[in-house]
Protein backbone atom coordinates (compact mmCIF):
# COMPACT_ATOMS: atom_id res chain seq x y z
CA MET A 1 45.60 87.25 -18.01
CA PRO A 2 44.04 90.75 -18.76
CA ALA A 3 41.55 90.96 -21.82
CA PRO A 4 43.04 93.60 -24.61
CA THR A 5 41.60 97.06 -24.31
CA ARG A 6 39.82 98.08 -27.68
CA ALA A 7 37.64 100.69 -28.94
CA ALA A 8 33.70 99.45 -28.16
CA PHE A 9 32.58 101.92 -30.84
CA PRO A 10 33.29 101.98 -34.26
CA LEU A 11 32.69 98.08 -34.64
CA ILE A 12 35.45 96.62 -36.74
CA ARG A 13 34.20 93.63 -39.02
CA ASN A 14 37.88 92.77 -40.05
CA LEU A 15 38.23 89.11 -41.95
CA THR A 16 41.59 89.41 -41.64
CA ALA A 17 42.06 89.43 -38.02
CA LEU A 18 39.20 86.47 -37.47
CA GLN A 19 41.43 83.82 -40.23
CA ASP A 20 44.45 85.01 -37.79
CA GLY A 21 43.60 81.52 -35.37
CA PRO A 22 43.68 79.84 -33.32
CA PHE A 23 41.17 81.11 -31.04
CA ASP A 24 40.80 79.84 -27.50
CA LEU A 25 36.90 80.07 -28.25
CA LEU A 26 34.90 80.42 -30.85
CA VAL A 27 31.44 81.81 -30.63
CA ILE A 28 28.63 80.66 -32.87
CA GLY A 29 25.29 82.75 -32.79
CA GLY A 30 25.39 86.82 -32.28
CA GLY A 31 22.33 86.83 -30.34
CA ILE A 32 22.24 87.70 -26.96
CA TYR A 33 23.48 84.58 -25.80
CA GLY A 34 26.41 84.56 -28.11
CA ALA A 35 27.44 88.24 -27.47
CA TRP A 36 27.16 88.08 -23.23
CA THR A 37 29.68 84.42 -24.09
CA ALA A 38 31.62 86.38 -26.20
CA ALA A 39 32.24 89.52 -23.97
CA ASP A 40 32.35 87.28 -21.07
CA ALA A 41 35.10 85.13 -22.14
CA ALA A 42 37.49 87.86 -23.62
CA GLN A 43 37.18 89.86 -20.19
CA ARG A 44 38.64 86.80 -18.52
CA GLY A 45 41.49 86.85 -21.22
CA LEU A 46 40.63 84.55 -23.63
CA LYS A 47 41.22 85.12 -27.36
CA VAL A 48 37.94 85.16 -28.79
CA ALA A 49 35.80 85.12 -32.00
CA LEU A 50 32.50 85.77 -32.41
CA ILE A 51 30.52 85.53 -35.81
CA GLU A 52 27.18 85.87 -37.06
CA ARG A 53 25.65 84.45 -39.89
CA ASP A 54 23.02 86.76 -40.36
CA ASP A 55 22.97 90.32 -38.36
CA TRP A 56 23.29 91.34 -34.48
CA GLY A 57 20.90 89.93 -32.84
CA ALA A 58 18.76 89.23 -36.03
CA GLY A 59 17.03 85.81 -34.57
CA THR A 60 14.78 85.54 -31.33
CA SER A 61 16.71 88.54 -30.04
CA GLN A 62 14.79 91.29 -31.85
CA SER A 63 11.63 89.57 -31.28
CA SER A 64 11.01 89.45 -27.17
CA SER A 65 8.68 91.53 -25.46
CA LYS A 66 11.39 94.05 -24.98
CA LEU A 67 11.55 93.83 -20.98
CA ILE A 68 14.15 92.86 -18.52
CA HIS A 69 11.65 91.04 -15.97
CA GLY A 70 11.79 88.33 -13.54
CA GLY A 71 9.22 86.85 -14.93
CA LEU A 72 5.67 87.09 -12.38
CA ARG A 73 3.80 84.52 -14.67
CA TYR A 74 7.12 81.59 -13.80
CA LEU A 75 5.19 82.15 -9.76
CA GLU A 76 2.59 80.15 -10.96
CA HIS A 77 4.05 77.35 -12.08
CA TYR A 78 6.71 76.77 -8.78
CA GLU A 79 9.51 78.81 -10.38
CA PHE A 80 10.87 80.60 -7.20
CA ALA A 81 14.83 80.11 -7.83
CA LEU A 82 14.31 81.28 -11.62
CA VAL A 83 12.20 84.19 -10.95
CA ARG A 84 14.87 85.20 -7.61
CA HIS A 85 17.64 84.73 -10.86
CA ALA A 86 16.22 87.15 -12.94
CA LEU A 87 15.50 89.74 -10.72
CA ALA A 88 18.51 89.63 -9.98
CA GLU A 89 19.63 90.48 -12.44
CA ARG A 90 17.20 93.22 -13.77
CA ARG A 91 19.48 95.05 -10.93
CA VAL A 92 22.44 94.15 -12.80
CA LEU A 93 21.38 95.52 -15.88
CA SER A 94 19.67 98.66 -15.18
CA ARG A 95 23.33 99.71 -13.87
CA LEU A 96 25.12 97.78 -16.28
CA ALA A 97 23.07 99.71 -19.47
CA PRO A 98 20.74 102.43 -18.28
CA HIS A 99 19.83 103.90 -21.53
CA LEU A 100 18.93 100.62 -22.50
CA VAL A 101 17.31 99.48 -19.36
CA ARG A 102 14.25 101.58 -17.87
CA PRO A 103 11.74 101.41 -15.06
CA LEU A 104 8.73 100.82 -16.28
CA ASN A 105 5.16 99.83 -14.37
CA PHE A 106 3.12 96.85 -14.94
CA VAL A 107 -1.01 97.01 -14.01
CA VAL A 108 -3.18 94.26 -13.68
CA PRO A 109 -6.47 94.96 -13.40
CA VAL A 110 -8.55 92.29 -11.25
CA TRP A 111 -11.86 91.25 -12.51
CA LYS A 112 -14.48 88.90 -10.63
CA GLY A 113 -14.47 85.66 -12.09
CA ALA A 114 -10.73 85.89 -13.47
CA ARG A 115 -9.02 82.62 -13.42
CA VAL A 116 -6.46 84.57 -10.80
CA GLY A 117 -7.92 86.18 -8.15
CA ARG A 118 -6.70 89.06 -6.19
CA MET A 119 -6.06 87.81 -3.14
CA GLN A 120 -3.74 85.35 -5.43
CA LEU A 121 -2.05 87.80 -6.86
CA LEU A 122 -1.67 89.92 -3.47
CA ALA A 123 0.42 86.84 -2.40
CA GLY A 124 2.29 86.70 -6.04
CA LEU A 125 3.06 89.89 -5.97
CA THR A 126 4.34 90.36 -2.13
CA LEU A 127 6.39 86.85 -3.02
CA TYR A 128 7.96 88.65 -6.38
CA ASP A 129 8.86 92.07 -4.04
CA PHE A 130 10.53 89.26 -1.78
CA LEU A 131 12.37 87.45 -4.39
CA ALA A 132 14.16 91.19 -5.40
CA THR A 133 16.57 91.57 -2.82
CA GLY A 134 18.85 94.72 -2.62
CA LYS A 135 18.43 97.89 -3.70
CA GLN A 136 16.07 97.32 -7.33
CA PRO A 137 15.06 99.81 -9.88
CA VAL A 138 11.38 100.10 -9.28
CA PRO A 139 8.83 100.23 -6.57
CA ARG A 140 7.50 98.10 -4.31
CA PHE A 141 3.53 96.69 -5.54
CA LYS A 142 0.91 98.99 -5.03
CA SER A 143 -3.41 98.40 -5.04
CA PHE A 144 -5.89 100.29 -6.59
CA SER A 145 -9.10 100.72 -6.58
CA ARG A 146 -12.16 100.03 -8.78
CA LYS A 147 -12.73 103.64 -9.39
CA LYS A 148 -9.27 105.00 -9.35
CA LEU A 149 -8.43 102.77 -11.92
CA LEU A 150 -10.76 103.63 -14.77
CA ALA A 151 -10.20 106.88 -13.62
CA ALA A 152 -6.62 106.39 -15.10
CA HIS A 153 -7.77 103.86 -17.49
CA PRO A 154 -11.58 104.35 -18.51
CA TYR A 155 -11.02 102.02 -21.73
CA LEU A 156 -11.04 99.15 -19.85
CA ASP A 157 -14.05 96.89 -19.09
CA GLU A 158 -16.34 98.00 -16.41
CA ALA A 159 -18.74 94.56 -15.97
CA GLY A 160 -17.02 93.13 -13.39
CA LEU A 161 -13.77 95.20 -12.35
CA LYS A 162 -12.92 94.68 -9.18
CA GLY A 163 -9.52 97.21 -8.61
CA GLY A 164 -6.12 96.08 -9.63
CA LEU A 165 -2.73 95.97 -8.41
CA ARG A 166 0.98 97.78 -9.96
CA TYR A 167 3.79 96.24 -9.70
CA GLY A 168 7.44 97.27 -11.47
CA ASP A 169 9.71 95.87 -14.12
CA CYS A 170 12.16 96.97 -17.01
CA GLN A 171 11.57 97.75 -20.54
CA GLU A 172 14.79 97.45 -23.08
CA ASP A 173 16.03 97.55 -26.61
CA ASP A 174 16.80 94.21 -27.21
CA ALA A 175 18.21 94.20 -30.29
CA ARG A 176 20.39 97.52 -29.80
CA MET A 177 21.48 95.97 -25.71
CA THR A 178 22.61 92.89 -28.12
CA LEU A 179 24.79 95.14 -30.29
CA PHE A 180 25.90 96.85 -26.97
CA VAL A 181 27.43 93.38 -25.87
CA VAL A 182 29.11 92.31 -29.00
CA ALA A 183 30.58 95.94 -28.48
CA ALA A 184 31.70 95.32 -25.27
CA ALA A 185 33.20 92.16 -26.62
CA GLN A 186 34.92 93.90 -28.96
CA ALA A 187 36.29 96.95 -26.80
CA ALA A 188 37.78 93.40 -24.16
CA GLY A 189 39.61 91.98 -27.24
CA ALA A 190 37.20 89.67 -29.12
CA VAL A 191 37.38 89.67 -33.09
CA CYS A 192 33.30 89.83 -34.19
CA ALA A 193 32.25 89.77 -37.41
CA ASN A 194 28.67 89.52 -39.11
CA ALA A 195 27.08 87.95 -42.34
CA VAL A 196 29.64 85.02 -41.44
CA ALA A 197 28.70 81.46 -41.70
CA ALA A 198 29.54 78.42 -40.32
CA ASP A 199 28.70 76.09 -42.80
CA GLU A 200 30.24 72.48 -40.48
CA LEU A 201 32.38 71.92 -37.53
CA LEU A 202 35.94 70.90 -37.31
CA PHE A 203 36.90 67.80 -35.81
CA ASP A 204 40.21 66.11 -34.40
CA ARG A 205 39.07 62.97 -33.44
CA ASP A 206 36.03 63.74 -31.51
CA ARG A 207 37.32 66.90 -30.55
CA CYS A 208 35.99 69.88 -31.91
CA VAL A 209 38.22 71.87 -32.94
CA GLY A 210 36.52 75.13 -34.86
CA ALA A 211 34.41 75.35 -37.43
CA GLN A 212 34.69 76.06 -41.79
CA LEU A 213 33.08 79.20 -42.04
CA ARG A 214 31.97 81.47 -44.93
CA ASP A 215 31.86 85.09 -45.74
CA THR A 216 27.88 85.10 -46.89
CA GLU A 217 28.32 88.18 -49.09
CA THR A 218 31.58 87.35 -51.07
CA GLY A 219 31.20 83.69 -50.40
CA GLU A 220 34.81 83.26 -49.59
CA ARG A 221 35.07 80.71 -47.08
CA PHE A 222 38.01 79.17 -44.31
CA ALA A 223 38.48 77.54 -41.97
CA LEU A 224 38.63 79.10 -38.11
CA ARG A 225 40.65 76.75 -35.72
CA ALA A 226 39.09 77.15 -32.11
CA ALA A 227 40.43 75.06 -28.56
CA CYS A 228 36.70 75.31 -27.47
CA VAL A 229 33.26 76.34 -30.00
CA VAL A 230 30.22 77.34 -27.55
CA ASN A 231 27.17 76.55 -30.09
CA ALA A 232 24.78 79.93 -29.12
CA GLY A 233 22.78 79.72 -32.41
CA GLY A 234 19.53 79.26 -30.58
CA PRO A 235 16.99 77.70 -32.54
CA TRP A 236 18.87 77.28 -35.46
CA ALA A 237 21.88 75.63 -33.27
CA HIS A 238 20.66 71.93 -34.32
CA ARG A 239 21.30 72.32 -38.21
CA LEU A 240 25.18 72.96 -38.05
CA PRO A 241 26.81 69.91 -39.08
CA GLY A 242 28.49 67.68 -36.67
CA ALA A 243 27.03 69.57 -33.22
CA ALA A 244 24.82 66.24 -32.21
CA PRO A 245 22.04 68.14 -31.21
CA PRO A 246 19.92 67.56 -27.81
CA ALA A 247 15.86 67.35 -27.96
CA VAL A 248 14.60 70.67 -27.58
CA LYS A 249 11.29 72.20 -28.12
CA LEU A 250 10.97 75.18 -29.85
CA VAL A 251 8.29 77.76 -28.80
CA LYS A 252 7.15 80.64 -31.34
CA GLY A 253 6.10 83.78 -29.79
CA VAL A 254 4.60 86.72 -31.36
CA HIS A 255 3.93 90.46 -31.17
CA LEU A 256 1.41 93.33 -32.61
CA VAL A 257 2.79 97.03 -32.60
CA LEU A 258 -0.44 98.55 -32.77
CA PRO A 259 -1.23 102.66 -32.01
CA ALA A 260 -0.47 104.20 -28.81
CA ILE A 261 -3.24 104.85 -26.28
CA PRO A 262 -3.46 108.27 -25.31
CA GLY A 263 -1.53 109.62 -22.10
CA LEU A 264 -0.75 106.24 -21.20
CA GLU A 265 2.71 105.28 -19.44
CA ASP A 266 2.35 102.62 -17.71
CA ALA A 267 2.03 98.18 -19.53
CA PHE A 268 -0.60 95.72 -18.35
CA LEU A 269 -0.24 91.91 -17.37
CA LEU A 270 -3.57 91.15 -18.83
CA THR A 271 -5.34 87.72 -19.05
CA ALA A 272 -6.95 86.14 -22.17
CA PRO A 273 -10.95 85.59 -21.48
CA SER A 274 -11.08 82.76 -23.73
CA ASP A 275 -8.20 80.40 -22.86
CA GLY A 276 -6.59 82.31 -19.66
CA ARG A 277 -2.73 82.46 -21.10
CA VAL A 278 -1.47 85.56 -20.27
CA PHE A 279 0.05 89.13 -22.40
CA PHE A 280 1.31 92.52 -22.21
CA VAL A 281 -0.21 95.36 -23.15
CA ILE A 282 3.01 97.66 -23.33
CA PRO A 283 3.93 101.39 -23.98
CA TRP A 284 6.79 101.24 -26.58
CA ASN A 285 8.47 104.26 -28.76
CA GLY A 286 5.56 106.20 -28.69
CA ARG A 287 3.57 103.18 -29.70
CA THR A 288 1.70 100.29 -28.41
CA LEU A 289 3.19 96.33 -28.58
CA VAL A 290 1.44 93.79 -27.64
CA GLY A 291 2.05 89.81 -27.40
CA THR A 292 2.69 87.46 -26.73
CA THR A 293 1.40 84.10 -27.59
CA GLU A 294 3.02 81.03 -27.97
CA SER A 295 3.13 77.82 -29.57
CA GLN A 296 5.10 74.71 -30.79
CA VAL A 297 6.67 74.71 -34.20
CA GLU A 298 9.14 72.34 -35.33
CA ASP A 299 11.25 75.03 -37.49
CA ALA A 300 12.13 78.07 -37.22
CA THR A 301 12.87 79.63 -40.80
CA GLY A 302 10.01 81.75 -42.01
CA ILE A 303 8.79 82.07 -38.81
CA ALA A 304 5.77 85.39 -39.34
CA VAL A 305 2.25 86.11 -37.19
CA GLU A 306 -0.35 83.93 -38.71
CA ASP A 307 -3.75 85.39 -39.20
CA ALA A 308 -5.43 83.77 -36.58
CA GLU A 309 -2.77 84.60 -34.31
CA ALA A 310 -3.12 88.44 -34.64
CA ARG A 311 -6.83 88.20 -34.34
CA TYR A 312 -7.02 85.81 -30.96
CA LEU A 313 -4.72 89.24 -29.54
CA LEU A 314 -6.45 91.46 -30.88
CA ASP A 315 -10.03 89.69 -29.87
CA ALA A 316 -8.50 89.33 -26.16
CA VAL A 317 -7.00 93.31 -25.70
CA ASN A 318 -10.55 94.44 -27.34
CA ALA A 319 -12.63 91.75 -24.58
CA LEU A 320 -10.84 93.46 -22.21
CA MET A 321 -10.08 97.23 -23.27
CA PRO A 322 -13.17 97.54 -25.28
CA GLY A 323 -12.50 101.07 -25.03
CA LEU A 324 -9.68 100.70 -28.11
CA GLY A 325 -11.99 98.93 -30.76
CA TRP A 326 -8.64 98.17 -32.15
CA THR A 327 -9.14 96.10 -35.85
CA PRO A 328 -6.80 94.90 -38.32
CA ASP A 329 -6.07 97.79 -40.22
CA GLN A 330 -5.15 99.77 -37.09
CA VAL A 331 -2.08 96.86 -36.28
CA ILE A 332 1.25 98.56 -38.23
CA ALA A 333 3.72 95.76 -37.31
CA ARG A 334 3.99 92.40 -35.98
CA PHE A 335 7.03 90.36 -35.21
CA ALA A 336 7.71 86.63 -33.87
CA GLY A 337 10.22 84.72 -32.86
CA VAL A 338 11.65 81.23 -31.41
CA ARG A 339 13.35 80.20 -28.61
CA SER A 340 14.70 76.66 -27.60
CA LEU A 341 13.66 75.15 -24.22
CA GLN A 342 14.39 71.88 -22.77
CA ALA A 343 11.90 69.04 -24.13
CA GLU A 344 10.08 67.92 -21.44
CA ASP A 345 6.45 67.05 -21.14
CA ALA A 346 3.78 69.99 -19.39
CA ASP A 347 0.26 70.51 -19.05
CA SER A 348 0.76 73.65 -21.72
CA LEU A 349 3.55 75.80 -23.08
CA ALA A 350 3.77 78.50 -20.16
CA ALA A 351 4.44 75.13 -17.70
CA VAL A 352 7.73 74.11 -20.05
CA SER A 353 10.60 75.19 -17.68
CA ARG A 354 12.88 78.54 -19.04
CA GLU A 355 15.65 77.06 -16.30
CA PHE A 356 18.95 77.58 -18.51
CA THR A 357 21.39 74.64 -18.56
CA VAL A 358 24.45 74.14 -20.26
CA LEU A 359 25.41 70.77 -22.35
CA THR A 360 28.79 69.09 -23.62
CA PRO A 361 27.58 66.61 -26.83
CA ARG A 362 31.09 66.71 -27.78
CA PRO A 363 34.37 67.47 -26.45
CA GLY A 364 34.98 71.11 -27.25
CA LEU A 365 32.12 71.41 -27.59
CA VAL A 366 29.44 73.75 -25.61
CA TRP A 367 25.93 74.29 -26.04
CA PRO A 368 23.46 76.43 -23.84
CA LEU A 369 20.15 75.70 -23.79
CA GLY A 370 17.01 77.31 -22.50
CA GLY A 371 16.81 80.42 -20.34
CA LYS A 372 15.33 84.15 -20.83
CA TYR A 373 16.98 87.54 -22.25
CA THR A 374 17.16 89.09 -19.34
CA THR A 375 19.63 86.36 -17.35
CA ALA A 376 21.04 85.84 -20.49
CA ARG A 377 24.33 87.93 -19.01
CA CYS A 378 24.82 85.45 -15.93
CA ASP A 379 23.91 82.31 -17.80
CA ALA A 380 26.72 83.05 -20.37
CA VAL A 381 29.23 83.02 -16.90
CA GLU A 382 28.35 79.53 -16.57
CA ILE A 383 28.97 78.91 -19.77
CA VAL A 384 32.42 80.75 -19.98
CA ASP A 385 33.37 78.55 -17.27
CA ARG A 386 31.84 75.33 -18.94
CA VAL A 387 34.84 76.66 -21.70
CA PHE A 388 37.32 77.27 -18.95
CA ASP A 389 36.60 73.80 -17.88
CA SER A 390 36.72 72.18 -21.75
CA LEU A 391 40.15 73.94 -21.97
CA GLY A 392 41.63 72.58 -19.27
CA LEU A 393 42.36 76.04 -17.25
CA ALA A 394 40.89 76.85 -13.48
CA ALA A 395 38.36 79.87 -13.91
CA VAL A 396 39.29 83.49 -14.59
CA GLU A 397 36.74 85.29 -11.93
CA SER A 398 33.89 87.17 -14.11
CA ARG A 399 33.65 90.69 -13.83
CA SER A 400 30.77 91.26 -16.58
CA ASP A 401 28.64 91.94 -13.68
CA ARG A 402 30.90 95.25 -12.45
CA THR A 403 31.48 95.91 -16.33
CA PRO A 404 29.16 98.92 -17.49
CA LEU A 405 28.20 98.63 -21.36
CA PRO A 406 29.65 101.21 -23.83
CA GLY A 407 27.29 104.11 -23.52
CA THR A 408 26.81 103.82 -20.28
CA PRO A 409 27.37 107.83 -18.30
CA GLN A 410 30.68 107.87 -15.75
CA GLU A 411 27.54 109.91 -13.77
CA VAL A 412 26.21 106.82 -13.63
CA ARG A 413 28.98 104.76 -12.92
CA GLU A 414 30.07 106.80 -9.90
CA LEU A 415 26.51 108.05 -8.83
CA GLY A 416 23.49 106.52 -10.44
CA ASP A 417 22.02 109.45 -11.48
CA PHE A 418 20.83 109.05 -14.89
CA THR A 419 18.00 111.55 -15.13
CA GLY A 420 20.64 114.15 -14.54
CA TRP A 421 23.27 112.87 -17.34
CA GLN A 422 19.71 112.59 -19.37
CA GLN A 423 17.94 115.83 -18.79
CA GLU A 424 22.06 118.15 -19.37
CA ALA A 425 21.93 115.73 -22.53
CA ILE A 426 18.83 116.82 -23.42
CA SER A 427 19.31 120.52 -23.03
CA GLY A 428 23.02 120.06 -25.46
CA LEU A 429 20.45 118.20 -28.22
CA ALA A 430 17.95 121.05 -27.96
CA ARG A 431 20.67 123.51 -28.53
CA ARG A 432 21.11 122.26 -32.10
CA GLY A 433 17.34 122.54 -32.97
CA LEU A 434 16.54 119.10 -32.19
CA ASP A 435 12.85 118.24 -30.49
CA VAL A 436 12.56 116.76 -27.32
CA ASP A 437 10.95 113.76 -28.57
CA THR A 438 13.69 113.20 -30.79
CA ALA A 439 16.57 114.27 -28.27
CA GLN A 440 15.07 111.61 -25.64
CA ALA A 441 15.03 109.38 -27.83
CA LEU A 442 18.68 109.38 -28.86
CA THR A 443 19.97 109.65 -25.05
CA LEU A 444 17.76 106.09 -24.75
CA ARG A 445 19.03 104.17 -27.60
CA HIS A 446 22.75 105.87 -27.90
CA GLY A 447 23.62 106.99 -23.91
CA THR A 448 27.55 108.47 -23.79
CA GLY A 449 27.53 107.51 -28.14
CA ILE A 450 25.56 110.88 -28.71
CA ARG A 451 28.99 112.68 -29.04
CA ARG A 452 28.87 110.53 -32.69
CA VAL A 453 26.00 111.55 -33.39
CA GLU A 454 26.70 115.29 -32.95
CA ALA A 455 30.06 115.03 -34.83
CA LEU A 456 27.81 113.42 -37.80
CA LEU A 457 25.13 116.99 -37.65
CA ASP A 458 28.37 118.90 -37.55
CA GLU A 459 29.56 116.73 -39.95
CA ASN A 460 26.22 117.16 -42.82
CA PRO A 461 23.48 119.40 -40.80
CA ALA A 462 21.41 117.93 -43.76
CA TRP A 463 21.77 114.78 -41.65
CA CYS A 464 19.64 116.80 -38.12
CA ALA A 465 16.96 115.58 -40.59
CA ARG A 466 14.25 112.68 -39.30
CA ILE A 467 14.10 109.79 -41.78
CA HIS A 468 10.05 109.80 -41.29
CA PRO A 469 8.04 112.68 -39.59
CA ASP A 470 6.34 110.29 -37.35
CA ALA A 471 9.59 108.68 -36.04
CA PRO A 472 12.27 110.25 -34.08
CA TYR A 473 15.23 108.75 -35.66
CA LEU A 474 18.07 110.75 -38.08
CA ARG A 475 19.26 110.86 -41.14
CA ALA A 476 22.77 111.06 -38.88
CA GLU A 477 22.35 107.52 -37.64
CA VAL A 478 21.67 105.54 -40.95
CA VAL A 479 24.87 106.98 -41.44
CA LEU A 480 26.19 106.22 -37.80
CA ALA A 481 24.80 102.65 -38.37
CA VAL A 482 26.83 101.75 -41.50
CA ARG A 483 30.23 103.79 -40.25
CA ASP A 484 30.07 102.33 -36.65
CA GLU A 485 27.85 99.71 -35.81
CA MET A 486 28.45 97.28 -39.11
CA ALA A 487 24.82 97.34 -40.42
CA ARG A 488 25.32 95.98 -44.18
CA ARG A 489 21.92 95.99 -45.58
CA PRO A 490 18.61 98.55 -44.56
CA ASP A 491 16.65 96.33 -42.52
CA ASP A 492 19.79 96.04 -40.56
CA VAL A 493 19.38 99.53 -39.91
CA VAL A 494 15.76 99.95 -39.59
CA ARG A 495 14.76 96.67 -37.51
CA ARG A 496 17.72 96.81 -35.23
CA ARG A 497 20.12 99.94 -34.99
CA MET A 498 16.40 101.40 -34.84
CA PRO A 499 13.06 100.24 -35.01
CA LEU A 500 11.53 102.34 -37.54
CA SER A 501 10.17 99.54 -39.70
CA LEU A 502 8.67 98.59 -36.34
CA ILE A 503 6.79 101.54 -35.82
CA VAL A 504 5.85 103.27 -39.23
CA PRO A 505 4.12 101.76 -42.25
CA ASP A 506 6.32 100.14 -44.51
CA ALA A 507 6.96 102.51 -48.03
CA PRO A 508 9.08 102.53 -51.03
CA GLY A 509 9.71 106.38 -49.99
CA TRP A 510 11.88 106.39 -46.73
CA ARG A 511 13.45 102.95 -47.35
CA ALA A 512 14.94 104.75 -50.34
CA THR A 513 16.02 107.53 -48.14
CA VAL A 514 17.78 104.91 -46.24
CA ALA A 515 19.57 103.52 -49.29
CA ALA A 516 20.55 106.21 -50.47
CA LEU A 517 22.33 107.38 -46.81
CA MET A 518 23.69 103.88 -46.70
CA ALA A 519 25.11 104.44 -49.86
CA GLU A 520 26.56 107.67 -48.64
CA ALA A 521 28.08 106.43 -45.65
CA GLY A 522 29.80 103.65 -47.76
CA ALA A 523 27.51 100.21 -47.44
CA PRO A 524 28.94 97.35 -49.42
CA VAL A 525 27.51 97.36 -53.13
CA ALA A 526 25.62 93.65 -52.04
CA ALA A 527 23.99 95.16 -48.70
CA ARG A 528 22.91 97.92 -51.22
CA GLN A 529 21.04 95.45 -53.42
CA ALA A 530 19.72 93.70 -50.80
């Protein structure tokens, strides 16, 4: 069953097409798992509908550590299969979306008396590289002496510092990648709509046959019939009436955004002195991302970073990097996310398995549980295999591992040369008068979609200006987000189409600029007033 081919962009929110059922599959939830499930199923020839009650990636998928990684710390809990699985995906995703997934080195300093010593780290990193079979986008690990480590990072605590190691993983734009996977789903024929909620599941006897949907902007309600439903609502999945939820453990993770560390290009993997929990310090969009802590919660609604959690992270960083001396008033932004894991007894939340499983609590209803952002694509293959089984059909082979995401340059598909394409693209943008930082940021968020940005700059040269002087995001990108990327509300633009609200302090001035540009681009009236 060949999948129909449509344009990946512009993303079309077509409620008429959504009501043109029945569908083979309805996917509820537009996070990374729902997006990959819809893309994989549509590429295999199923008639697919994908809905999201808020915006693409607006839940947990916008609140990760922005990494595509194997999960070095999971080796401590002997989750070797999970790490191998994730490292294989690191290789695949860096090929499918080189504009969104980029190599990043991590430094692990070693202090005397640390919970994990140098020999343990050497063994762990040797195993980490061994499990990463095939050609990888990052180099193998390397050791550093105390002297070299301090020369490169003089803000580290010198007391008891013995040296360190460096290994490679990848960084990504989580919300934007989710958007591009949704675009891939549309390109394969899926009907995709945000701001559409599933109020309840529909059943014929015991079998799930669709859901009652609601346009959250107009209040219009309609039934969507589907032969199978995937409940990919993550930590909100259990709230869907009729879903027969399994037992889950909801785990909250928090992050802080702080000023850039001058000259820092590598990230750090650190262990908090107070309790031994692992956290990251990551250069990100000209700022520094610090996180995460983990705590169990009862509900994902209204989750925010508490002051005590922010203080914990600041205290941990300042104890290990006293040269930074960060204070609470330097925190630019904070964000929290919740993910649902399998309910199990464990000594700590870090020991709770991130293994993925697919449940079928009712006939016609498929429920993914667990997993992590890095492995969402290959986990979605398992979800769709289960869908085919539910439909009583032989599973069509998945091709999502060899179908590049929108924005991937042809040069990368043929030669693997993203850097060459990027430098040429930056030069072209520079000839339009854009500074290097802005041009580079455009290539990393849009890939070949920079042509859509350039068309807008030709349409209105005034859109060439930055929205905020301290962030490399253009006014044209606001217009693009509304016209081409299904942005409905201001936060869709400044939190997910670009991370503006995370890297500059909130202020009415730049928000008013965004609202005016959205109105100019034709955003819905209700959205402009939100």
